Amino acid sequence: MYSIGIAYLLWFLSGFGIFGLHRFYLGKIRTGLLWMCTGGFFVVGTIYDFLTLPSQVREANIRNALYGRNRQQFYQGGQQDNWRNVHDAEYKVVGGKGREKESVEHVILKHAKENKGILTVSEVALGADIPIETAKKHLDTLVSKGFAELRVRKSGSLVYVIPDLADKDEPLENF
């Protein structure tokens, strides 16, 4: 667990951030080297770090929690494929020992087919195991690209309709 106090102490000891010791501490090796070679990215970086160091420590702690104490454990034996795009939830890991990836778009289409082309944000979030906000973004992206339509049911609830997968016998005007 990284500490804000230690990060600020290293920032201070490295000449107010000029030598980038705080960046090395937070696991930012490349920018630490950049800070060493450019004098804290021409002092502008040191000011930026002073103002944003608490959020940088928080991000480092999140990164540490995602990858575990030993980041190498996820990169041994082909495990890196299972952790691709962890931050933006583009893929979820499903299956047993083989562990294949299923994209959010695939989950959306699968649920749309099962529900005769009609989806809700909650169904997608539950099916893809992603936050509701992320599910809404994916559905809105499909609407903006013309692959789906946003409709209001008579009850007032919002649903997303994928016309290609809609029931051909039931008119879409019934909403």
Foldseek 3Di string as FASTA:
>chain_A
DDDLVVLCVLCVVCVLCQQPPSCVVLVNVVVNVVSNVCRCVVCPNSVVCVVCVVVSNVVSVVVCVVCDVDVCVCVPPPNVVQCPPVPLLQWHWDDDPVTDTDGLVNQVVVVCLVVQFKADLVSSCVSSVHDSVSSVVVLVVCVVVPQWDWDAAPVGDIIIGRVVNHDPVDDPVND
